[in-house]
Amino acid sequence: AITGAIHTPTMSPYLPITPDEIANEALAAAEAGAA
C-alpha cells in the first residue's frame, strides 16, 4: 500500500505524494516482490 490517506507529509520525508513519486515507489515495490 504505497501512500494511503492516514499519514501526512510531516511524518516522513519518504512518503510519496506526487504522481511521479507514487509511480516510482509502486514500480520499485513490485520489483522487490509485491504482487
PDB file of all heavy atoms in Angstrom:
ATOM      1  N   ALA A   1       0.862  -1.186   0.000  1.00  0.00           N
ATOM      2  CA  ALA A   1       0.000   0.000   0.000  1.00  0.00           C
ATOM      3  C   ALA A   1       0.899   1.236   0.000  1.00  0.00           C
ATOM      4  O   ALA A   1       1.532   1.560   1.002  1.00  0.00           O
ATOM      5  CB  ALA A   1      -0.914  -0.017   1.223  1.00  0.00           C
ATOM      6  N   ILE A   2       0.957   1.932  -1.114  1.00  0.00           N
ATOM      7  CA  ILE A   2       2.048   2.857  -1.406  1.00  0.00           C
ATOM      8  C   ILE A   2       2.009   4.159  -0.606  1.00  0.00           C
ATOM      9  O   ILE A   2       3.039   4.637  -0.143  1.00  0.00           O
ATOM     10  CB  ILE A   2       2.068   3.176  -2.916  1.00  0.00           C
ATOM     11  CG1 ILE A   2       2.217   1.876  -3.739  1.00  0.00           C
ATOM     12  CG2 ILE A   2       3.180   4.162  -3.252  1.00  0.00           C
ATOM     13  CD1 ILE A   2       3.471   1.081  -3.452  1.00  0.00           C
ATOM     14  N   THR A   3       0.816   4.765  -0.428  1.00  0.00           N
ATOM     15  CA  THR A   3       0.799   6.063   0.256  1.00  0.00           C
ATOM     16  C   THR A   3      -0.399   6.266   1.182  1.00  0.00           C
ATOM     17  O   THR A   3      -0.276   6.855   2.234  1.00  0.00           O
ATOM     18  CB  THR A   3       0.905   7.227  -0.747  1.00  0.00           C
ATOM     19  OG1 THR A   3       1.073   8.455  -0.040  1.00  0.00           O
ATOM     20  CG2 THR A   3      -0.305   7.309  -1.663  1.00  0.00           C
ATOM     21  N   GLY A   4      -1.591   5.789   0.825  1.00  0.00           N
ATOM     22  CA  GLY A   4      -2.742   5.886   1.718  1.00  0.00           C
ATOM     23  C   GLY A   4      -3.224   7.302   1.945  1.00  0.00           C
ATOM     24  O   GLY A   4      -2.890   8.235   1.212  1.00  0.00           O
ATOM     25  N   ALA A   5      -4.028   7.448   3.023  1.00  0.00           N
ATOM     26  CA  ALA A   5      -4.590   8.756   3.369  1.00  0.00           C
ATOM     27  C   ALA A   5      -4.422   9.082   4.849  1.00  0.00           C
ATOM     28  O   ALA A   5      -4.924  10.096   5.314  1.00  0.00           O
ATOM     29  CB  ALA A   5      -6.084   8.779   3.010  1.00  0.00           C
ATOM     30  N   ILE A   6      -3.733   8.218   5.590  1.00  0.00           N
ATOM     31  CA  ILE A   6      -3.593   8.407   7.039  1.00  0.00           C
ATOM     32  C   ILE A   6      -2.391   9.283   7.378  1.00  0.00           C
ATOM     33  O   ILE A   6      -2.500  10.280   8.079  1.00  0.00           O
ATOM     34  CB  ILE A   6      -3.468   7.047   7.749  1.00  0.00           C
ATOM     35  CG1 ILE A   6      -4.762   6.258   7.607  1.00  0.00           C
ATOM     36  CG2 ILE A   6      -3.108   7.222   9.213  1.00  0.00           C
ATOM     37  CD1 ILE A   6      -4.689   4.864   8.190  1.00  0.00           C
ATOM     38  N   HIS A   7      -1.232   8.909   6.877  1.00  0.00           N
ATOM     39  CA  HIS A   7      -0.017   9.638   7.217  1.00  0.00           C
ATOM     40  C   HIS A   7       0.037  10.960   6.465  1.00  0.00           C
ATOM     41  O   HIS A   7      -0.425  11.058   5.322  1.00  0.00           O
ATOM     42  CB  HIS A   7       1.212   8.791   6.906  1.00  0.00           C
ATOM     43  CG  HIS A   7       1.293   7.555   7.742  1.00  0.00           C
ATOM     44  ND1 HIS A   7       1.346   6.284   7.204  1.00  0.00           N
ATOM     45  CD2 HIS A   7       1.306   7.397   9.095  1.00  0.00           C
ATOM     46  CE1 HIS A   7       1.394   5.399   8.202  1.00  0.00           C
ATOM     47  NE2 HIS A   7       1.354   6.040   9.341  1.00  0.00           N
ATOM     48  N   THR A   8       0.612  11.962   7.106  1.00  0.00           N
ATOM     49  CA  THR A   8       0.725  13.289   6.498  1.00  0.00           C
ATOM     50  C   THR A   8       2.190  13.567   6.162  1.00  0.00           C
ATOM     51  O   THR A   8       3.095  12.922   6.702  1.00  0.00           O
ATOM     52  CB  THR A   8       0.173  14.374   7.441  1.00  0.00           C
ATOM     53  OG1 THR A   8       1.042  14.499   8.577  1.00  0.00           O
ATOM     54  CG2 THR A   8      -1.241  14.037   7.903  1.00  0.00           C
ATOM     55  N   PRO A   9       2.455  14.511   5.265  1.00  0.00           N
ATOM     56  CA  PRO A   9       3.822  14.736   4.803  1.00  0.00           C
ATOM     57  C   PRO A   9       4.841  15.022   5.892  1.00  0.00           C
ATOM     58  O   PRO A   9       6.017  14.662   5.751  1.00  0.00           O
ATOM     59  CB  PRO A   9       3.664  15.926   3.858  1.00  0.00           C
ATOM     60  CG  PRO A   9       2.270  15.808   3.338  1.00  0.00           C
ATOM     61  CD  PRO A   9       1.468  15.303   4.508  1.00  0.00           C
ATOM     62  N   THR A  10       4.409  15.661   6.972  1.00  0.00           N
ATOM     63  CA  THR A  10       5.342  15.966   8.057  1.00  0.00           C
ATOM     64  C   THR A  10       5.909  14.707   8.699  1.00  0.00           C
ATOM     65  O   THR A  10       7.031  14.704   9.199  1.00  0.00           O
ATOM     66  CB  THR A  10       4.625  16.819   9.129  1.00  0.00           C
ATOM     67  OG1 THR A  10       4.274  18.076   8.533  1.00  0.00           O
ATOM     68  CG2 THR A  10       5.497  17.055  10.347  1.00  0.00           C
ATOM     69  N   MET A  11       5.149  13.627   8.667  1.00  0.00           N
ATOM     70  CA  MET A  11       5.528  12.421   9.403  1.00  0.00           C
ATOM     71  C   MET A  11       6.721  11.696   8.808  1.00  0.00           C
ATOM     72  O   MET A  11       7.424  10.980   9.516  1.00  0.00           O
ATOM     73  CB  MET A  11       4.325  11.477   9.480  1.00  0.00           C
ATOM     74  CG  MET A  11       3.165  12.037  10.256  1.00  0.00           C
ATOM     75  SD  MET A  11       1.757  10.904  10.227  1.00  0.00           S
ATOM     76  CE  MET A  11       0.545  11.862  11.152  1.00  0.00           C
ATOM     77  N   SER A  12       6.947  11.853   7.506  1.00  0.00           N
ATOM     78  CA  SER A  12       8.085  11.202   6.868  1.00  0.00           C
ATOM     79  C   SER A  12       8.425  11.901   5.560  1.00  0.00           C
ATOM     80  O   SER A  12       7.531  12.129   4.740  1.00  0.00           O
ATOM     81  CB  SER A  12       7.796   9.728   6.576  1.00  0.00           C
ATOM     82  OG  SER A  12       8.848   9.162   5.807  1.00  0.00           O
ATOM     83  N   PRO A  13       9.705  12.206   5.351  1.00  0.00           N
ATOM     84  CA  PRO A  13      10.097  12.800   4.068  1.00  0.00           C
ATOM     85  C   PRO A  13      10.036  11.799   2.924  1.00  0.00           C
ATOM     86  O   PRO A  13      10.155  12.181   1.756  1.00  0.00           O
ATOM     87  CB  PRO A  13      11.542  13.244   4.323  1.00  0.00           C
ATOM     88  CG  PRO A  13      12.040  12.313   5.384  1.00  0.00           C
ATOM     89  CD  PRO A  13      10.847  12.038   6.260  1.00  0.00           C
ATOM     90  N   TYR A  14       9.827  10.525   3.254  1.00  0.00           N
ATOM     91  CA  TYR A  14       9.818   9.474   2.234  1.00  0.00           C
ATOM     92  C   TYR A  14       8.407   9.121   1.770  1.00  0.00           C
ATOM     93  O   TYR A  14       8.248   8.267   0.889  1.00  0.00           O
ATOM     94  CB  TYR A  14      10.514   8.222   2.775  1.00  0.00           C
ATOM     95  CG  TYR A  14      11.893   8.511   3.312  1.00  0.00           C
ATOM     96  CD1 TYR A  14      12.158   8.420   4.678  1.00  0.00           C
ATOM     97  CD2 TYR A  14      12.923   8.905   2.467  1.00  0.00           C
ATOM     98  CE1 TYR A  14      13.423   8.704   5.187  1.00  0.00           C
ATOM     99  CE2 TYR A  14      14.191   9.188   2.958  1.00  0.00           C
ATOM    100  CZ  TYR A  14      14.427   9.090   4.319  1.00  0.00           C
ATOM    101  OH  TYR A  14      15.682   9.372   4.817  1.00  0.00           O
ATOM    102  N   LEU A  15       7.387   9.757   2.338  1.00  0.00           N
ATOM    103  CA  LEU A  15       6.007   9.469   1.948  1.00  0.00           C
ATOM    104  C   LEU A  15       5.763   9.984   0.535  1.00  0.00           C
ATOM    105  O   LEU A  15       5.901  11.185   0.276  1.00  0.00           O
ATOM    106  CB  LEU A  15       5.036  10.139   2.925  1.00  0.00           C
ATOM    107  CG  LEU A  15       3.554   9.835   2.715  1.00  0.00           C
ATOM    108  CD1 LEU A  15       3.240   8.390   3.099  1.00  0.00           C
ATOM    109  CD2 LEU A  15       2.684  10.801   3.539  1.00  0.00           C
ATOM    110  N   PRO A  16       5.406   9.110  -0.414  1.00  0.00           N
ATOM    111  CA  PRO A  16       5.199   9.577  -1.792  1.00  0.00           C
ATOM    112  C   PRO A  16       3.932  10.414  -1.920  1.00  0.00           C
ATOM    113  O   PRO A  16       2.877  10.048  -1.399  1.00  0.00           O
ATOM    114  CB  PRO A  16       5.091   8.285  -2.603  1.00  0.00           C
ATOM    115  CG  PRO A  16       4.708   7.235  -1.622  1.00  0.00           C
ATOM    116  CD  PRO A  16       5.259   7.654  -0.295  1.00  0.00           C
ATOM    117  N   ILE A  17       4.061  11.520  -2.632  1.00  0.00           N
ATOM    118  CA  ILE A  17       2.964  12.480  -2.757  1.00  0.00           C
ATOM    119  C   ILE A  17       2.630  12.775  -4.211  1.00  0.00           C
ATOM    120  O   ILE A  17       1.473  12.747  -4.614  1.00  0.00           O
ATOM    121  CB  ILE A  17       3.323  13.791  -2.011  1.00  0.00           C
ATOM    122  CG1 ILE A  17       3.336  13.551  -0.498  1.00  0.00           C
ATOM    123  CG2 ILE A  17       2.360  14.903  -2.375  1.00  0.00           C
ATOM    124  CD1 ILE A  17       3.884  14.725   0.290  1.00  0.00           C
ATOM    125  N   THR A  18       3.644  13.054  -5.011  1.00  0.00           N
ATOM    126  CA  THR A  18       3.404  13.431  -6.401  1.00  0.00           C
ATOM    127  C   THR A  18       3.132  12.187  -7.257  1.00  0.00           C
ATOM    128  O   THR A  18       3.487  11.070  -6.870  1.00  0.00           O
ATOM    129  CB  THR A  18       4.614  14.170  -6.987  1.00  0.00           C
ATOM    130  OG1 THR A  18       5.707  13.241  -7.115  1.00  0.00           O
ATOM    131  CG2 THR A  18       5.038  15.340  -6.103  1.00  0.00           C
ATOM    132  N   PRO A  19       2.531  12.357  -8.422  1.00  0.00           N
ATOM    133  CA  PRO A  19       2.321  11.209  -9.310  1.00  0.00           C
ATOM    134  C   PRO A  19       3.611  10.468  -9.641  1.00  0.00           C
ATOM    135  O   PRO A  19       3.633   9.235  -9.671  1.00  0.00           O
ATOM    136  CB  PRO A  19       1.691  11.831 -10.552  1.00  0.00           C
ATOM    137  CG  PRO A  19       0.995  13.051 -10.042  1.00  0.00           C
ATOM    138  CD  PRO A  19       1.871  13.573  -8.947  1.00  0.00           C
ATOM    139  N   ASP A  20       4.694  11.200  -9.881  1.00  0.00           N
ATOM    140  CA  ASP A  20       5.972  10.553 -10.177  1.00  0.00           C
ATOM    141  C   ASP A  20       6.453   9.734  -8.986  1.00  0.00           C
ATOM    142  O   ASP A  20       6.940   8.605  -9.148  1.00  0.00           O
ATOM    143  CB  ASP A  20       7.032  11.590 -10.546  1.00  0.00           C
ATOM    144  CG  ASP A  20       6.901  12.081 -11.983  1.00  0.00           C
ATOM    145  OD1 ASP A  20       6.126  11.473 -12.749  1.00  0.00           O
ATOM    146  OD2 ASP A  20       7.577  13.072 -12.335  1.00  0.00           O
ATOM    147  N   GLU A  21       6.339  10.292  -7.789  1.00  0.00           N
ATOM    148  CA  GLU A  21       6.780   9.572  -6.588  1.00  0.00           C
ATOM    149  C   GLU A  21       5.948   8.316  -6.376  1.00  0.00           C
ATOM    150  O   GLU A  21       6.488   7.249  -6.051  1.00  0.00           O
ATOM    151  CB  GLU A  21       6.686  10.490  -5.370  1.00  0.00           C
ATOM    152  CG  GLU A  21       7.720  11.605  -5.352  1.00  0.00           C
ATOM    153  CD  GLU A  21       7.452  12.652  -4.279  1.00  0.00           C
ATOM    154  OE1 GLU A  21       6.353  12.650  -3.690  1.00  0.00           O
ATOM    155  OE2 GLU A  21       8.352  13.488  -4.047  1.00  0.00           O
ATOM    156  N   ILE A  22       4.640   8.423  -6.539  1.00  0.00           N
ATOM    157  CA  ILE A  22       3.761   7.270  -6.348  1.00  0.00           C
ATOM    158  C   ILE A  22       4.077   6.190  -7.372  1.00  0.00           C
ATOM    159  O   ILE A  22       4.192   5.002  -7.044  1.00  0.00           O
ATOM    160  CB  ILE A  22       2.284   7.705  -6.421  1.00  0.00           C
ATOM    161  CG1 ILE A  22       1.931   8.563  -5.196  1.00  0.00           C
ATOM    162  CG2 ILE A  22       1.355   6.489  -6.498  1.00  0.00           C
ATOM    163  CD1 ILE A  22       0.590   9.268  -5.286  1.00  0.00           C
ATOM    164  N   ALA A  23       4.264   6.589  -8.637  1.00  0.00           N
ATOM    165  CA  ALA A  23       4.580   5.612  -9.681  1.00  0.00           C
ATOM    166  C   ALA A  23       5.927   4.953  -9.422  1.00  0.00           C
ATOM    167  O   ALA A  23       6.054   3.723  -9.503  1.00  0.00           O
ATOM    168  CB  ALA A  23       4.568   6.299 -11.045  1.00  0.00           C
ATOM    169  N   ASN A  24       6.932   5.748  -9.114  1.00  0.00           N
ATOM    170  CA  ASN A  24       8.269   5.190  -8.877  1.00  0.00           C
ATOM    171  C   ASN A  24       8.276   4.242  -7.682  1.00  0.00           C
ATOM    172  O   ASN A  24       8.908   3.179  -7.716  1.00  0.00           O
ATOM    173  CB  ASN A  24       9.279   6.315  -8.664  1.00  0.00           C
ATOM    174  CG  ASN A  24       9.570   7.091  -9.946  1.00  0.00           C
ATOM    175  OD1 ASN A  24       9.368   6.579 -11.048  1.00  0.00           O
ATOM    176  ND2 ASN A  24      10.037   8.324  -9.805  1.00  0.00           N
ATOM    177  N   GLU A  25       7.582   4.625  -6.616  1.00  0.00           N
ATOM    178  CA  GLU A  25       7.514   3.778  -5.422  1.00  0.00           C
ATOM    179  C   GLU A  25       6.772   2.476  -5.718  1.00  0.00           C
ATOM    180  O   GLU A  25       7.164   1.405  -5.243  1.00  0.00           O
ATOM    181  CB  GLU A  25       6.817   4.539  -4.292  1.00  0.00           C
ATOM    182  CG  GLU A  25       7.676   5.583  -3.626  1.00  0.00           C
ATOM    183  CD  GLU A  25       8.707   4.959  -2.705  1.00  0.00           C
ATOM    184  OE1 GLU A  25       8.327   4.216  -1.779  1.00  0.00           O
ATOM    185  OE2 GLU A  25       9.907   5.219  -2.911  1.00  0.00           O
ATOM    186  N   ALA A  26       5.710   2.573  -6.493  1.00  0.00           N
ATOM    187  CA  ALA A  26       4.942   1.374  -6.837  1.00  0.00           C
ATOM    188  C   ALA A  26       5.789   0.410  -7.663  1.00  0.00           C
ATOM    189  O   ALA A  26       5.809  -0.800  -7.410  1.00  0.00           O
ATOM    190  CB  ALA A  26       3.678   1.764  -7.598  1.00  0.00           C
ATOM    191  N   LEU A  27       6.507   0.931  -8.646  1.00  0.00           N
ATOM    192  CA  LEU A  27       7.325   0.073  -9.507  1.00  0.00           C
ATOM    193  C   LEU A  27       8.470  -0.571  -8.727  1.00  0.00           C
ATOM    194  O   LEU A  27       8.795  -1.746  -8.927  1.00  0.00           O
ATOM    195  CB  LEU A  27       7.851   0.881 -10.685  1.00  0.00           C
ATOM    196  CG  LEU A  27       6.780   1.376 -11.673  1.00  0.00           C
ATOM    197  CD1 LEU A  27       7.387   2.309 -12.704  1.00  0.00           C
ATOM    198  CD2 LEU A  27       6.082   0.206 -12.352  1.00  0.00           C
ATOM    199  N   ALA A  28       9.071   0.184  -7.812  1.00  0.00           N
ATOM    200  CA  ALA A  28      10.153  -0.374  -7.002  1.00  0.00           C
ATOM    201  C   ALA A  28       9.627  -1.445  -6.051  1.00  0.00           C
ATOM    202  O   ALA A  28      10.291  -2.468  -5.818  1.00  0.00           O
ATOM    203  CB  ALA A  28      10.843   0.742  -6.218  1.00  0.00           C
ATOM    204  N   ALA A  29       8.426  -1.231  -5.509  1.00  0.00           N
ATOM    205  CA  ALA A  29       7.815  -2.236  -4.627  1.00  0.00           C
ATOM    206  C   ALA A  29       7.524  -3.517  -5.391  1.00  0.00           C
ATOM    207  O   ALA A  29       7.737  -4.628  -4.880  1.00  0.00           O
ATOM    208  CB  ALA A  29       6.534  -1.682  -4.009  1.00  0.00           C
ATOM    209  N   ALA A  30       7.036  -3.375  -6.616  1.00  0.00           N
ATOM    210  CA  ALA A  30       6.776  -4.557  -7.446  1.00  0.00           C
ATOM    211  C   ALA A  30       8.069  -5.294  -7.765  1.00  0.00           C
ATOM    212  O   ALA A  30       8.131  -6.529  -7.717  1.00  0.00           O
ATOM    213  CB  ALA A  30       6.063  -4.143  -8.728  1.00  0.00           C
ATOM    214  N   GLU A  31       9.102  -4.557  -8.073  1.00  0.00           N
ATOM    215  CA  GLU A  31      10.402  -5.166  -8.365  1.00  0.00           C
ATOM    216  C   GLU A  31      10.936  -5.918  -7.142  1.00  0.00           C
ATOM    217  O   GLU A  31      11.587  -6.969  -7.271  1.00  0.00           O
ATOM    218  CB  GLU A  31      11.396  -4.072  -8.788  1.00  0.00           C
ATOM    219  CG  GLU A  31      12.778  -4.581  -9.147  1.00  0.00           C
ATOM    220  CD  GLU A  31      12.810  -5.422 -10.407  1.00  0.00           C
ATOM    221  OE1 GLU A  31      11.911  -5.279 -11.254  1.00  0.00           O
ATOM    222  OE2 GLU A  31      13.770  -6.218 -10.557  1.00  0.00           O
ATOM    223  N   ALA A  32      10.637  -5.409  -5.945  1.00  0.00           N
ATOM    224  CA  ALA A  32      11.099  -6.043  -4.704  1.00  0.00           C
ATOM    225  C   ALA A  32      10.303  -7.295  -4.356  1.00  0.00           C
ATOM    226  O   ALA A  32      10.754  -8.100  -3.533  1.00  0.00           O
ATOM    227  CB  ALA A  32      11.027  -5.040  -3.557  1.00  0.00           C
ATOM    228  N   GLY A  33       9.114  -7.455  -4.966  1.00  0.00           N
ATOM    229  CA  GLY A  33       8.352  -8.673  -4.716  1.00  0.00           C
ATOM    230  C   GLY A  33       6.880  -8.499  -4.429  1.00  0.00           C
ATOM    231  O   GLY A  33       6.180  -9.485  -4.167  1.00  0.00           O
ATOM    232  N   ALA A  34       6.360  -7.288  -4.489  1.00  0.00           N
ATOM    233  CA  ALA A  34       4.925  -7.086  -4.266  1.00  0.00           C
ATOM    234  C   ALA A  34       4.142  -7.552  -5.486  1.00  0.00           C
ATOM    235  O   ALA A  34       4.405  -7.116  -6.609  1.00  0.00           O
ATOM    236  CB  ALA A  34       4.618  -5.615  -3.988  1.00  0.00           C
ATOM    237  N   ALA A  35       3.174  -8.440  -5.271  1.00  0.00           N
ATOM    238  CA  ALA A  35       2.343  -8.940  -6.372  1.00  0.00           C
ATOM    239  C   ALA A  35       1.150  -8.039  -6.631  1.00  0.00           C
ATOM    240  O   ALA A  35       0.606  -8.023  -7.739  1.00  0.00           O
ATOM    241  CB  ALA A  35       1.865 -10.354  -6.062  1.00  0.00           C
TER     242      ALA A  35
END
